[in-house]
Amino acid sequence: MDIAARSLFVEQRRRLRRVVEFMGQAVKGRAPDRDLTLSRLAEIACWSPEHLDRVYRRVTAEPPMATLRRLRLRQAAQWLERGSRLADVAELSGYASTQAFGRAFRRQFGLRPSHWPAKWAVPGRPLFDLVRLDHDVPCHTLRMAGKPQEVSALFDQTLLRLQRSGSPRGEWQVFGATAADADLGQWSRAAGLCQLSSVVLGPPLSQAPAGMDRGVVKAGHYARIAAHEVNETNWSDVLHQAGWQQCAGDSLRHYDTDPAFVAPQERREWLYLPITK
């Protein structure tokens, strides 16, 4: 990958991230958003509508307006769960009639809006998964201490270095790492700056990325928690009741989906907390 291509890779991620985060915020508004068009999204990306549509389709395998429609319906489902009137939800979601909204809702979720349950529950689902590392795992790391808005740039640079190295994508996984004493789900902070590392598991890579340090992820037990649940539960009590407690060591964060290309509502993120008996 030459210098021009590497610069294009980082810039493309930045622009698409702006678009998906804008869409994620826009659908939350308590007002119809029919004016949120492809042209408006293109303005956010500073691209032409045609170029945005082409790049977005190539990266996400769907047009941007399909993502927007799905996000609107996800938000509509939340409004229904809170008891909002069907007619109000249809209007807020940008549909001209409850019939049109109902058809779209059923295509998305397989249920009519009137049949949408207040809660989806999985009986007996454990609150966390137990993950055990029997041995220290070698890794490559890239550290930062900067403003919160610079966190995304750290991972862009990490992916750029990995691409530049030529190591196949299937060889590595990228995590964020922060001190275990940080607030649950948050990065460490000092003097107003975020402090974290990107951690690349999977060594030995066929080509080591330049400019990254070597490190290890410590052996031991980790509690794997869905990130969207971290603020809904007292995890100290949950771990204690299961016979565990959080211990010293880095907490890890991993996305199953790339946050540069997926709106916040649809990101799948996991926390790995170091624990001990």
Protein backbone atom coordinates (compact mmCIF):
# COMPACT_ATOMS: atom_id res chain seq x y z
CA MET A 1 0.00 0.00 0.00
CA ASP A 2 1.62 3.28 -1.11
CA ILE A 3 1.50 6.55 0.83
CA ALA A 4 -1.44 7.93 -1.17
CA ALA A 5 -3.45 4.75 -0.64
CA ARG A 6 -2.69 4.73 3.10
CA SER A 7 -3.81 8.35 3.43
CA LEU A 8 -7.00 7.52 1.52
CA PHE A 9 -7.68 4.56 3.85
CA VAL A 10 -7.52 6.72 7.00
CA GLU A 11 -9.50 9.59 5.47
CA GLN A 12 -12.20 7.25 4.20
CA ARG A 13 -12.64 5.75 7.67
CA ARG A 14 -12.92 9.22 9.22
CA ARG A 15 -15.57 10.36 6.76
CA LEU A 16 -17.66 7.21 6.99
CA ARG A 17 -17.46 7.31 10.79
CA ARG A 18 -18.90 10.83 10.70
CA VAL A 19 -21.77 9.61 8.53
CA VAL A 20 -22.75 6.58 10.62
CA GLU A 21 -22.49 8.51 13.89
CA PHE A 22 -24.60 11.31 12.43
CA MET A 23 -27.26 8.79 11.36
CA GLY A 24 -27.18 7.17 14.79
CA GLN A 25 -27.82 10.50 16.50
CA ALA A 26 -30.35 11.79 13.96
CA VAL A 27 -32.84 8.95 14.40
CA LYS A 28 -33.07 9.62 18.14
CA GLY A 29 -34.64 13.03 17.67
CA ARG A 30 -38.26 13.48 18.66
CA ALA A 31 -39.15 15.04 15.31
CA PRO A 32 -39.68 13.67 11.81
CA ASP A 33 -36.39 13.44 9.93
CA ARG A 34 -37.66 13.17 6.36
CA ASP A 35 -35.07 15.76 5.33
CA LEU A 36 -32.27 13.35 6.18
CA THR A 37 -31.45 12.47 2.58
CA LEU A 38 -28.48 11.02 0.75
CA SER A 39 -27.48 14.57 -0.18
CA ARG A 40 -27.45 15.57 3.51
CA LEU A 41 -25.32 12.56 4.41
CA ALA A 42 -22.97 13.42 1.56
CA GLU A 43 -22.53 16.89 3.05
CA ILE A 44 -21.47 15.28 6.34
CA ALA A 45 -18.88 13.19 4.48
CA CYS A 46 -17.78 16.11 2.26
CA TRP A 47 -18.31 13.87 -0.78
CA SER A 48 -20.75 13.92 -3.65
CA PRO A 49 -23.90 11.80 -3.12
CA GLU A 50 -22.75 9.44 -5.87
CA HIS A 51 -19.33 8.94 -4.31
CA LEU A 52 -20.74 8.40 -0.82
CA ASP A 53 -23.22 5.85 -2.14
CA ARG A 54 -20.48 4.01 -4.04
CA VAL A 55 -17.98 3.90 -1.14
CA TYR A 56 -20.63 3.08 1.46
CA ARG A 57 -21.97 0.18 -0.60
CA ARG A 58 -18.48 -1.20 -1.13
CA VAL A 59 -17.63 -1.10 2.59
CA THR A 60 -20.96 -2.09 4.17
CA ALA A 61 -22.62 -4.07 1.35
CA GLU A 62 -25.74 -1.87 1.49
CA PRO A 63 -26.72 1.69 0.50
CA PRO A 64 -26.62 4.34 3.24
CA MET A 65 -30.39 4.89 3.07
CA ALA A 66 -30.96 1.20 3.89
CA THR A 67 -28.90 1.66 7.06
CA LEU A 68 -30.88 4.78 7.92
CA ARG A 69 -34.20 2.98 7.42
CA ARG A 70 -33.11 0.14 9.70
CA LEU A 71 -31.92 2.56 12.40
CA ARG A 72 -35.26 4.38 12.27
CA LEU A 73 -37.09 1.09 12.79
CA ARG A 74 -34.84 0.13 15.70
CA GLN A 75 -35.64 3.46 17.32
CA ALA A 76 -39.33 2.95 16.58
CA ALA A 77 -39.22 -0.40 18.39
CA GLN A 78 -37.82 1.35 21.47
CA TRP A 79 -40.57 3.96 21.37
CA LEU A 80 -43.18 1.20 21.14
CA GLU A 81 -41.62 -0.56 24.14
CA ARG A 82 -42.03 2.66 26.12
CA GLY A 83 -45.74 2.79 25.31
CA SER A 84 -45.79 5.43 22.57
CA ARG A 85 -48.85 5.52 20.30
CA LEU A 86 -48.49 3.70 16.99
CA ALA A 87 -49.55 6.77 14.97
CA ASP A 88 -46.99 8.94 16.75
CA VAL A 89 -44.21 6.40 16.22
CA ALA A 90 -45.03 6.06 12.53
CA GLU A 91 -44.84 9.84 12.08
CA LEU A 92 -41.65 10.19 14.11
CA SER A 93 -40.10 7.41 12.02
CA GLY A 94 -40.78 9.31 8.82
CA TYR A 95 -43.69 7.23 7.46
CA ALA A 96 -46.74 8.81 5.90
CA SER A 97 -49.17 6.26 7.36
CA THR A 98 -49.38 3.58 10.02
CA GLN A 99 -49.97 1.05 7.25
CA ALA A 100 -46.67 1.87 5.52
CA PHE A 101 -44.89 1.86 8.86
CA GLY A 102 -46.45 -1.49 9.80
CA ARG A 103 -45.31 -3.10 6.55
CA ALA A 104 -41.74 -1.85 7.00
CA PHE A 105 -41.69 -2.87 10.66
CA ARG A 106 -42.87 -6.38 9.86
CA ARG A 107 -40.25 -6.78 7.11
CA GLN A 108 -37.55 -5.76 9.59
CA PHE A 109 -38.63 -7.66 12.71
CA GLY A 110 -41.07 -10.31 11.50
CA LEU A 111 -43.82 -8.96 13.78
CA ARG A 112 -46.54 -6.35 13.53
CA PRO A 113 -45.94 -3.25 15.67
CA SER A 114 -48.99 -4.17 17.78
CA HIS A 115 -47.34 -7.51 18.61
CA TRP A 116 -43.98 -6.04 19.54
CA PRO A 117 -43.04 -7.25 23.05
CA ALA A 118 -42.02 -4.89 25.85
CA LYS A 119 -38.86 -6.93 26.43
CA TRP A 120 -36.91 -9.65 24.71
CA ALA A 121 -35.56 -11.99 27.38
CA VAL A 122 -33.44 -15.12 27.23
CA PRO A 123 -34.34 -17.19 30.31
CA GLY A 124 -31.36 -18.40 32.26
CA ARG A 125 -28.77 -16.47 30.24
CA PRO A 126 -25.64 -15.94 32.35
CA LEU A 127 -24.74 -12.33 33.06
CA PHE A 128 -21.16 -12.89 31.95
CA ASP A 129 -19.05 -15.50 30.21
CA LEU A 130 -15.90 -16.84 31.81
CA VAL A 131 -12.82 -16.76 29.58
CA ARG A 132 -9.56 -18.39 30.66
CA LEU A 133 -6.11 -17.77 29.19
CA ASP A 134 -3.78 -20.59 30.19
CA HIS A 135 -0.68 -18.76 28.99
CA ASP A 136 0.46 -15.19 28.43
CA VAL A 137 -0.47 -14.16 24.88
CA PRO A 138 2.13 -12.13 22.91
CA CYS A 139 0.78 -9.00 21.29
CA HIS A 140 1.72 -5.78 19.50
CA THR A 141 0.69 -2.50 21.13
CA LEU A 142 0.34 1.15 20.21
CA ARG A 143 -0.15 3.59 23.09
CA MET A 144 -1.79 6.98 23.30
CA ALA A 145 -2.55 9.70 25.83
CA GLY A 146 -4.72 12.33 24.21
CA LYS A 147 -8.09 13.98 23.92
CA PRO A 148 -11.16 11.72 23.86
CA GLN A 149 -11.86 12.58 20.23
CA GLU A 150 -8.41 11.21 19.31
CA VAL A 151 -9.27 7.66 20.40
CA SER A 152 -10.64 6.75 16.96
CA ALA A 153 -7.41 7.95 15.36
CA LEU A 154 -5.43 5.47 17.47
CA PHE A 155 -7.34 2.53 16.01
CA ASP A 156 -7.17 3.99 12.49
CA GLN A 157 -3.40 4.16 12.84
CA THR A 158 -3.25 0.64 14.23
CA LEU A 159 -5.19 -0.76 11.28
CA LEU A 160 -3.08 1.30 8.90
CA ARG A 161 0.14 -0.17 10.33
CA LEU A 162 -1.30 -3.67 10.10
CA GLN A 163 -2.33 -3.17 6.49
CA ARG A 164 1.06 -1.67 5.70
CA SER A 165 2.78 -4.71 7.22
CA GLY A 166 1.11 -7.05 4.77
CA SER A 167 -0.05 -9.50 7.43
CA PRO A 168 -3.28 -11.20 6.31
CA ARG A 169 -6.44 -9.96 8.01
CA GLY A 170 -7.21 -13.41 9.37
CA GLU A 171 -4.04 -13.39 11.49
CA TRP A 172 -4.96 -10.60 13.90
CA GLN A 173 -7.59 -9.15 16.23
CA VAL A 174 -7.53 -5.60 17.58
CA PHE A 175 -8.51 -4.77 21.17
CA GLY A 176 -8.42 -1.64 23.27
CA ALA A 177 -6.68 -1.95 26.64
CA THR A 178 -7.01 0.23 29.72
CA ALA A 179 -6.09 -0.06 33.39
CA ALA A 180 -8.39 -2.25 35.46
CA ASP A 181 -9.05 0.57 37.92
CA ALA A 182 -10.69 2.74 35.22
CA ASP A 183 -14.44 3.23 35.40
CA LEU A 184 -16.16 0.19 33.95
CA GLY A 185 -16.47 0.57 30.21
CA GLN A 186 -14.40 3.78 30.14
CA TRP A 187 -10.83 4.51 29.18
CA SER A 188 -8.32 5.52 31.86
CA ARG A 189 -7.92 9.26 32.34
CA ALA A 190 -5.19 11.44 33.79
CA ALA A 191 -4.93 15.24 33.61
CA GLY A 192 -8.01 15.25 31.38
CA LEU A 193 -6.44 12.94 28.81
CA CYS A 194 -7.55 9.45 27.77
CA GLN A 195 -4.86 6.83 28.27
CA LEU A 196 -5.16 3.54 26.44
CA SER A 197 -3.44 1.13 24.11
CA SER A 198 -4.51 -0.69 21.01
CA VAL A 199 -3.57 -4.34 21.35
CA VAL A 200 -3.12 -6.66 18.38
CA LEU A 201 -3.48 -10.33 19.25
CA GLY A 202 -2.43 -13.07 16.93
CA PRO A 203 1.39 -12.96 16.88
CA PRO A 204 3.54 -14.28 15.48
CA LEU A 205 2.27 -12.31 12.51
CA SER A 206 3.81 -13.15 9.18
CA GLN A 207 4.91 -9.50 8.98
CA ALA A 208 5.31 -7.56 12.25
CA PRO A 209 3.78 -4.05 12.04
CA ALA A 210 6.38 -1.29 12.17
CA GLY A 211 6.25 1.26 14.97
CA MET A 212 4.40 -0.95 17.47
CA ASP A 213 5.77 -2.25 20.75
CA ARG A 214 5.75 -5.87 21.89
CA GLY A 215 3.77 -6.87 24.96
CA VAL A 216 1.70 -9.65 26.47
CA VAL A 217 -1.87 -10.14 27.58
CA LYS A 218 -1.58 -11.82 30.94
CA ALA A 219 -2.78 -15.35 31.56
CA GLY A 220 -5.72 -15.70 33.90
CA HIS A 221 -9.50 -15.49 34.02
CA TYR A 222 -11.57 -12.75 32.36
CA ALA A 223 -15.26 -11.91 32.65
CA ARG A 224 -16.66 -11.27 29.17
CA ILE A 225 -19.49 -8.71 29.35
CA ALA A 226 -21.60 -7.16 26.61
CA ALA A 227 -20.66 -3.47 26.63
CA HIS A 228 -24.27 -2.27 26.45
CA GLU A 229 -24.89 -3.93 29.83
CA VAL A 230 -22.07 -2.32 31.81
CA ASN A 231 -24.24 0.50 33.17
CA GLU A 232 -27.26 -1.69 33.87
CA THR A 233 -25.79 -3.94 36.56
CA ASN A 234 -23.67 -3.70 39.70
CA TRP A 235 -20.86 -5.88 38.41
CA SER A 236 -18.94 -5.97 41.68
CA ASP A 237 -21.94 -7.69 43.27
CA VAL A 238 -22.48 -9.99 40.29
CA LEU A 239 -18.85 -11.12 40.32
CA HIS A 240 -18.86 -11.50 44.12
CA GLN A 241 -21.98 -13.67 44.04
CA ALA A 242 -20.30 -15.89 41.45
CA GLY A 243 -17.17 -16.20 43.63
CA TRP A 244 -14.98 -13.75 41.67
CA GLN A 245 -13.64 -10.24 42.01
CA GLN A 246 -11.96 -7.86 39.61
CA CYS A 247 -8.18 -7.79 39.94
CA ALA A 248 -5.18 -5.79 38.74
CA GLY A 249 -4.35 -5.97 35.07
CA ASP A 250 -5.54 -4.47 31.82
CA SER A 251 -9.21 -4.58 30.89
CA LEU A 252 -9.75 -5.28 27.20
CA ARG A 253 -12.41 -4.02 24.81
CA HIS A 254 -13.23 -5.64 21.50
CA TYR A 255 -15.64 -4.78 18.70
CA ASP A 256 -17.23 -7.56 16.68
CA THR A 257 -18.20 -4.78 14.27
CA ASP A 258 -16.01 -1.96 12.98
CA PRO A 259 -17.14 1.28 14.71
CA ALA A 260 -15.98 3.30 11.70
CA PHE A 261 -18.66 1.71 9.54
CA VAL A 262 -21.44 0.81 11.99
CA ALA A 263 -23.77 3.21 13.81
CA PRO A 264 -23.54 3.15 17.63
CA GLN A 265 -26.92 1.39 17.99
CA GLU A 266 -25.70 -1.61 15.97
CA ARG A 267 -22.17 -1.99 17.29
CA ARG A 268 -21.37 -5.24 19.08
CA GLU A 269 -18.77 -4.57 21.74
CA TRP A 270 -17.39 -6.74 24.54
CA LEU A 271 -15.44 -5.98 27.69
CA TYR A 272 -12.98 -8.46 29.17
CA LEU A 273 -12.38 -7.75 32.87
CA PRO A 274 -9.49 -9.51 34.66
CA ILE A 275 -10.89 -11.44 37.63
CA THR A 276 -9.63 -13.71 40.38
CA LYS A 277 -11.08 -15.90 43.14
